[in-house]
């Protein structure tokens, strides 16, 4: 199986990992070693990262026309570029799944279907 992702994935993952070990809200932090282990595991994944230059025009169109968020539009653009499946973890309040499905016909929810 080949996995594609826009370059922004690494940034997003590291940001969330840092927030888990040093939350800004009242949440309890996750042990730093646990977070380190997850980061190491993530960095071992065999993902083909797609440069932003090749996605930026489509990402802009998705942002503008489909009203996807400034982050989500990159993932949908990447899936469209490679005619790949886009797996989303769960329903989002901003209706990401519906918006993504309007733009690409291979969008799946992990909560509804097994990988």
N, C-alpha and C. Protein backbone atom coordinates (compact mmCIF):
# COMPACT_ATOMS: atom_id res chain seq x y z
N UNK A 1 0.85 -1.17 0.00
CA UNK A 1 0.00 0.00 0.00
C UNK A 1 0.90 1.24 0.00
N UNK A 2 0.51 2.21 -0.77
CA UNK A 2 1.23 3.47 -0.83
C UNK A 2 0.39 4.53 -0.12
N UNK A 3 1.02 5.29 0.74
CA UNK A 3 0.34 6.37 1.45
C UNK A 3 0.92 7.70 0.99
N UNK A 4 0.05 8.62 0.61
CA UNK A 4 0.45 9.96 0.22
C UNK A 4 -0.07 10.94 1.25
N UNK A 5 0.67 12.00 1.47
CA UNK A 5 0.21 13.06 2.37
C UNK A 5 0.91 14.36 1.99
N UNK A 6 0.19 15.46 2.17
CA UNK A 6 0.86 16.74 1.94
C UNK A 6 1.92 16.97 3.03
N UNK A 7 2.92 17.74 2.71
CA UNK A 7 4.00 18.02 3.66
C UNK A 7 3.50 18.53 5.01
N UNK A 8 2.37 19.18 5.02
CA UNK A 8 1.83 19.78 6.24
C UNK A 8 1.53 18.73 7.32
N UNK A 9 1.40 17.47 6.93
CA UNK A 9 1.09 16.42 7.91
C UNK A 9 2.13 16.36 9.02
N UNK A 10 3.40 16.44 8.67
CA UNK A 10 4.45 16.37 9.70
C UNK A 10 4.31 17.52 10.69
N UNK A 11 4.06 18.70 10.19
CA UNK A 11 3.89 19.86 11.06
C UNK A 11 2.70 19.67 11.99
N UNK A 12 1.59 19.25 11.43
CA UNK A 12 0.39 19.04 12.25
C UNK A 12 0.61 17.96 13.32
N UNK A 13 1.25 16.87 12.94
CA UNK A 13 1.46 15.79 13.89
C UNK A 13 2.34 16.25 15.05
N UNK A 14 3.43 16.93 14.73
CA UNK A 14 4.33 17.40 15.79
C UNK A 14 3.66 18.44 16.68
N UNK A 15 2.84 19.28 16.10
CA UNK A 15 2.11 20.28 16.88
C UNK A 15 1.19 19.60 17.90
N UNK A 16 0.43 18.62 17.44
CA UNK A 16 -0.49 17.91 18.33
C UNK A 16 0.28 17.12 19.39
N UNK A 17 1.39 16.50 18.99
CA UNK A 17 2.20 15.75 19.96
C UNK A 17 2.69 16.68 21.06
N UNK A 18 3.14 17.85 20.69
CA UNK A 18 3.62 18.81 21.68
C UNK A 18 2.47 19.27 22.59
N UNK A 19 1.31 19.49 22.01
CA UNK A 19 0.15 19.91 22.81
C UNK A 19 -0.27 18.81 23.79
N UNK A 20 -0.07 17.56 23.43
CA UNK A 20 -0.44 16.45 24.33
C UNK A 20 0.49 16.40 25.54
N UNK A 21 1.74 16.74 25.36
CA UNK A 21 2.66 16.68 26.50
C UNK A 21 2.66 17.98 27.29
N UNK A 22 2.21 19.08 26.66
CA UNK A 22 2.14 20.38 27.35
C UNK A 22 0.81 21.07 27.01
N UNK A 23 -0.31 20.51 27.46
CA UNK A 23 -1.60 21.10 27.08
C UNK A 23 -1.77 22.52 27.62
N UNK A 24 -2.42 23.33 26.82
CA UNK A 24 -2.69 24.72 27.24
C UNK A 24 -4.00 24.83 27.99
N UNK A 25 -4.84 23.83 27.83
CA UNK A 25 -6.13 23.84 28.53
C UNK A 25 -5.97 23.10 29.85
N UNK A 26 -7.06 22.75 30.47
CA UNK A 26 -7.02 22.06 31.75
C UNK A 26 -6.77 20.56 31.65
N UNK A 27 -6.55 20.06 30.45
CA UNK A 27 -6.31 18.64 30.28
C UNK A 27 -5.03 18.20 30.98
N UNK A 28 -5.02 16.94 31.37
CA UNK A 28 -3.80 16.39 31.96
C UNK A 28 -2.80 16.10 30.85
N UNK A 29 -1.53 16.41 31.07
CA UNK A 29 -0.53 16.10 30.05
C UNK A 29 -0.30 14.60 29.94
N UNK A 30 0.11 14.18 28.75
CA UNK A 30 0.49 12.78 28.54
C UNK A 30 1.99 12.69 28.82
N UNK A 31 2.39 11.61 29.44
CA UNK A 31 3.79 11.40 29.79
C UNK A 31 4.69 11.63 28.56
N UNK A 32 5.75 12.38 28.76
CA UNK A 32 6.65 12.74 27.67
C UNK A 32 7.23 11.56 26.93
N UNK A 33 7.53 10.47 27.65
CA UNK A 33 8.09 9.29 26.99
C UNK A 33 7.07 8.62 26.08
N UNK A 34 5.81 8.63 26.51
CA UNK A 34 4.74 8.08 25.67
C UNK A 34 4.63 8.89 24.38
N UNK A 35 4.65 10.20 24.51
CA UNK A 35 4.58 11.07 23.33
C UNK A 35 5.79 10.82 22.44
N UNK A 36 6.97 10.73 23.02
CA UNK A 36 8.20 10.46 22.25
C UNK A 36 8.07 9.17 21.45
N UNK A 37 7.53 8.15 22.06
CA UNK A 37 7.36 6.86 21.38
C UNK A 37 6.43 7.00 20.19
N UNK A 38 5.34 7.73 20.37
CA UNK A 38 4.40 7.92 19.26
C UNK A 38 5.04 8.73 18.13
N UNK A 39 5.82 9.73 18.48
CA UNK A 39 6.49 10.52 17.44
C UNK A 39 7.48 9.64 16.68
N UNK A 40 8.25 8.83 17.38
CA UNK A 40 9.20 7.93 16.71
C UNK A 40 8.46 6.96 15.78
N UNK A 41 7.35 6.41 16.26
CA UNK A 41 6.55 5.50 15.42
C UNK A 41 6.02 6.21 14.18
N UNK A 42 5.54 7.43 14.37
CA UNK A 42 5.02 8.20 13.24
C UNK A 42 6.12 8.45 12.21
N UNK A 43 7.29 8.81 12.67
CA UNK A 43 8.39 9.12 11.75
C UNK A 43 8.89 7.90 10.99
N UNK A 44 8.58 6.72 11.47
CA UNK A 44 8.96 5.49 10.77
C UNK A 44 7.98 5.11 9.66
N UNK A 45 6.81 5.70 9.68
CA UNK A 45 5.81 5.35 8.66
C UNK A 45 6.34 5.66 7.27
N UNK A 46 6.00 4.82 6.34
CA UNK A 46 6.45 5.01 4.96
C UNK A 46 5.40 5.81 4.20
N UNK A 47 5.52 7.10 4.32
CA UNK A 47 4.58 8.02 3.67
C UNK A 47 5.32 8.78 2.59
N UNK A 48 4.70 8.88 1.43
CA UNK A 48 5.24 9.71 0.37
C UNK A 48 4.70 11.11 0.57
N UNK A 49 5.58 12.03 0.95
CA UNK A 49 5.15 13.41 1.19
C UNK A 49 5.15 14.18 -0.12
N UNK A 50 4.07 14.88 -0.35
CA UNK A 50 3.86 15.60 -1.60
C UNK A 50 4.14 17.08 -1.36
N UNK A 51 4.98 17.62 -2.19
CA UNK A 51 5.36 19.03 -2.06
C UNK A 51 4.15 19.95 -2.30
N UNK A 52 4.12 20.99 -1.52
CA UNK A 52 3.01 21.93 -1.59
C UNK A 52 2.83 22.59 -2.94
N UNK A 53 3.93 22.83 -3.65
CA UNK A 53 3.83 23.50 -4.95
C UNK A 53 2.93 22.76 -5.92
N UNK A 54 2.93 21.43 -5.82
CA UNK A 54 2.13 20.65 -6.75
C UNK A 54 0.65 20.59 -6.36
N UNK A 55 0.33 21.04 -5.15
CA UNK A 55 -1.05 20.97 -4.66
C UNK A 55 -1.70 22.34 -4.48
N UNK A 56 -0.91 23.39 -4.49
CA UNK A 56 -1.40 24.69 -4.03
C UNK A 56 -2.58 25.21 -4.84
N UNK A 57 -2.57 25.05 -6.14
CA UNK A 57 -3.69 25.57 -6.94
C UNK A 57 -4.99 24.84 -6.61
N UNK A 58 -4.93 23.51 -6.55
CA UNK A 58 -6.12 22.74 -6.21
C UNK A 58 -6.56 23.02 -4.77
N UNK A 59 -5.59 23.14 -3.86
CA UNK A 59 -5.92 23.44 -2.46
C UNK A 59 -6.66 24.77 -2.38
N UNK A 60 -6.19 25.76 -3.12
CA UNK A 60 -6.85 27.07 -3.13
C UNK A 60 -8.27 26.95 -3.66
N UNK A 61 -8.46 26.22 -4.74
CA UNK A 61 -9.81 26.05 -5.30
C UNK A 61 -10.73 25.36 -4.29
N UNK A 62 -10.22 24.35 -3.60
CA UNK A 62 -11.03 23.65 -2.59
C UNK A 62 -11.37 24.56 -1.42
N UNK A 63 -10.43 25.36 -1.01
CA UNK A 63 -10.66 26.31 0.08
C UNK A 63 -11.74 27.31 -0.32
N UNK A 64 -11.61 27.82 -1.52
CA UNK A 64 -12.50 28.86 -2.00
C UNK A 64 -13.88 28.32 -2.38
N UNK A 65 -13.91 27.25 -3.15
CA UNK A 65 -15.17 26.77 -3.71
C UNK A 65 -15.91 25.76 -2.82
N UNK A 66 -15.19 24.90 -2.15
CA UNK A 66 -15.83 23.88 -1.32
C UNK A 66 -15.89 24.28 0.15
N UNK A 67 -15.26 25.41 0.49
CA UNK A 67 -15.26 25.94 1.84
C UNK A 67 -14.58 24.99 2.84
N UNK A 68 -13.58 24.26 2.34
CA UNK A 68 -12.76 23.43 3.23
C UNK A 68 -11.85 24.35 4.02
N UNK A 69 -11.40 23.88 5.18
CA UNK A 69 -10.51 24.71 5.99
C UNK A 69 -9.15 24.85 5.29
N UNK A 70 -8.38 25.81 5.76
CA UNK A 70 -7.06 26.06 5.18
C UNK A 70 -6.12 24.87 5.38
N UNK A 71 -6.39 24.03 6.33
CA UNK A 71 -5.58 22.83 6.54
C UNK A 71 -6.16 21.65 5.76
N UNK A 72 -7.44 21.42 5.87
CA UNK A 72 -8.06 20.26 5.25
C UNK A 72 -7.97 20.25 3.73
N UNK A 73 -7.96 21.43 3.12
CA UNK A 73 -7.91 21.49 1.66
C UNK A 73 -6.66 20.82 1.09
N UNK A 74 -5.56 20.82 1.84
CA UNK A 74 -4.32 20.19 1.37
C UNK A 74 -4.47 18.67 1.28
N UNK A 75 -5.17 18.07 2.23
CA UNK A 75 -5.35 16.62 2.24
C UNK A 75 -6.26 16.18 1.10
N UNK A 76 -7.33 16.92 0.87
CA UNK A 76 -8.24 16.59 -0.22
C UNK A 76 -7.52 16.79 -1.56
N UNK A 77 -6.77 17.85 -1.69
CA UNK A 77 -6.01 18.09 -2.93
C UNK A 77 -5.03 16.95 -3.19
N UNK A 78 -4.38 16.48 -2.16
CA UNK A 78 -3.43 15.38 -2.30
C UNK A 78 -4.15 14.10 -2.75
N UNK A 79 -5.28 13.78 -2.13
CA UNK A 79 -6.04 12.60 -2.51
C UNK A 79 -6.51 12.70 -3.96
N UNK A 80 -6.96 13.88 -4.36
CA UNK A 80 -7.40 14.06 -5.74
C UNK A 80 -6.24 13.92 -6.72
N UNK A 81 -5.10 14.46 -6.37
CA UNK A 81 -3.94 14.42 -7.27
C UNK A 81 -3.56 13.00 -7.63
N UNK A 82 -3.66 12.09 -6.67
CA UNK A 82 -3.27 10.70 -6.89
C UNK A 82 -4.46 9.76 -7.04
N UNK A 83 -5.66 10.32 -7.11
CA UNK A 83 -6.89 9.54 -7.16
C UNK A 83 -6.86 8.47 -6.06
N UNK A 84 -6.47 8.91 -4.88
CA UNK A 84 -6.29 8.01 -3.74
C UNK A 84 -7.45 8.11 -2.76
N UNK A 85 -7.54 7.12 -1.91
CA UNK A 85 -8.53 7.16 -0.84
C UNK A 85 -8.09 8.18 0.20
N UNK A 86 -9.07 8.86 0.76
CA UNK A 86 -8.82 9.79 1.86
C UNK A 86 -9.58 9.27 3.07
N UNK A 87 -8.85 8.90 4.12
CA UNK A 87 -9.45 8.36 5.33
C UNK A 87 -9.47 9.45 6.39
N UNK A 88 -10.65 9.67 6.94
CA UNK A 88 -10.85 10.70 7.98
C UNK A 88 -11.24 9.98 9.26
N UNK A 89 -10.66 10.42 10.37
CA UNK A 89 -10.82 9.71 11.63
C UNK A 89 -12.26 9.69 12.15
N UNK A 90 -12.96 10.80 12.03
CA UNK A 90 -14.30 10.91 12.62
C UNK A 90 -15.03 12.10 11.99
N UNK A 91 -16.31 12.19 12.26
CA UNK A 91 -17.08 13.33 11.80
C UNK A 91 -16.55 14.59 12.49
N UNK A 92 -16.58 15.68 11.80
CA UNK A 92 -16.11 16.95 12.36
C UNK A 92 -17.28 17.94 12.37
N UNK A 93 -17.25 18.84 13.32
CA UNK A 93 -18.33 19.82 13.45
C UNK A 93 -18.45 20.71 12.22
N UNK A 94 -17.35 20.91 11.52
CA UNK A 94 -17.38 21.79 10.34
C UNK A 94 -17.83 21.07 9.06
N UNK A 95 -18.30 19.83 9.21
CA UNK A 95 -18.83 19.02 8.10
C UNK A 95 -17.74 18.68 7.08
N UNK A 96 -16.55 18.47 7.55
CA UNK A 96 -15.42 18.12 6.68
C UNK A 96 -15.74 16.94 5.77
N UNK A 97 -16.33 15.90 6.32
CA UNK A 97 -16.58 14.70 5.53
C UNK A 97 -17.49 15.01 4.34
N UNK A 98 -18.58 15.71 4.58
CA UNK A 98 -19.50 16.07 3.49
C UNK A 98 -18.81 16.94 2.44
N UNK A 99 -18.05 17.91 2.89
CA UNK A 99 -17.35 18.81 1.97
C UNK A 99 -16.32 18.04 1.15
N UNK A 100 -15.57 17.17 1.81
CA UNK A 100 -14.55 16.39 1.11
C UNK A 100 -15.19 15.45 0.09
N UNK A 101 -16.32 14.86 0.45
CA UNK A 101 -17.01 13.93 -0.47
C UNK A 101 -17.57 14.66 -1.69
N UNK A 102 -17.93 15.91 -1.53
CA UNK A 102 -18.38 16.67 -2.69
C UNK A 102 -17.23 16.92 -3.67
N UNK A 103 -16.03 16.96 -3.14
CA UNK A 103 -14.86 17.27 -3.97
C UNK A 103 -14.14 16.02 -4.48
N UNK A 104 -14.33 14.89 -3.80
CA UNK A 104 -13.59 13.67 -4.14
C UNK A 104 -14.44 12.47 -3.78
N UNK A 105 -14.50 11.48 -4.65
CA UNK A 105 -15.42 10.36 -4.43
C UNK A 105 -14.84 9.20 -3.62
N UNK A 106 -13.62 9.34 -3.13
CA UNK A 106 -13.01 8.25 -2.35
C UNK A 106 -12.68 8.71 -0.93
N UNK A 107 -13.69 9.19 -0.23
CA UNK A 107 -13.52 9.67 1.14
C UNK A 107 -14.22 8.69 2.07
N UNK A 108 -13.49 8.22 3.09
CA UNK A 108 -14.01 7.21 4.00
C UNK A 108 -13.79 7.64 5.45
N UNK A 109 -14.67 7.17 6.31
CA UNK A 109 -14.57 7.42 7.74
C UNK A 109 -14.09 6.17 8.46
N UNK A 110 -13.09 6.31 9.30
CA UNK A 110 -12.61 5.17 10.07
C UNK A 110 -13.67 4.64 11.03
N UNK A 111 -14.59 5.49 11.45
CA UNK A 111 -15.63 5.06 12.37
C UNK A 111 -16.73 4.27 11.66
N UNK A 112 -16.77 4.31 10.34
CA UNK A 112 -17.81 3.60 9.58
C UNK A 112 -17.31 2.40 8.82
N UNK A 113 -16.02 2.39 8.56
CA UNK A 113 -15.48 1.34 7.69
C UNK A 113 -14.07 0.98 8.16
N UNK A 114 -13.74 -0.28 8.03
CA UNK A 114 -12.39 -0.70 8.41
C UNK A 114 -11.41 -0.38 7.29
N UNK A 115 -10.23 -0.05 7.69
CA UNK A 115 -9.13 0.26 6.79
C UNK A 115 -8.86 -0.89 5.88
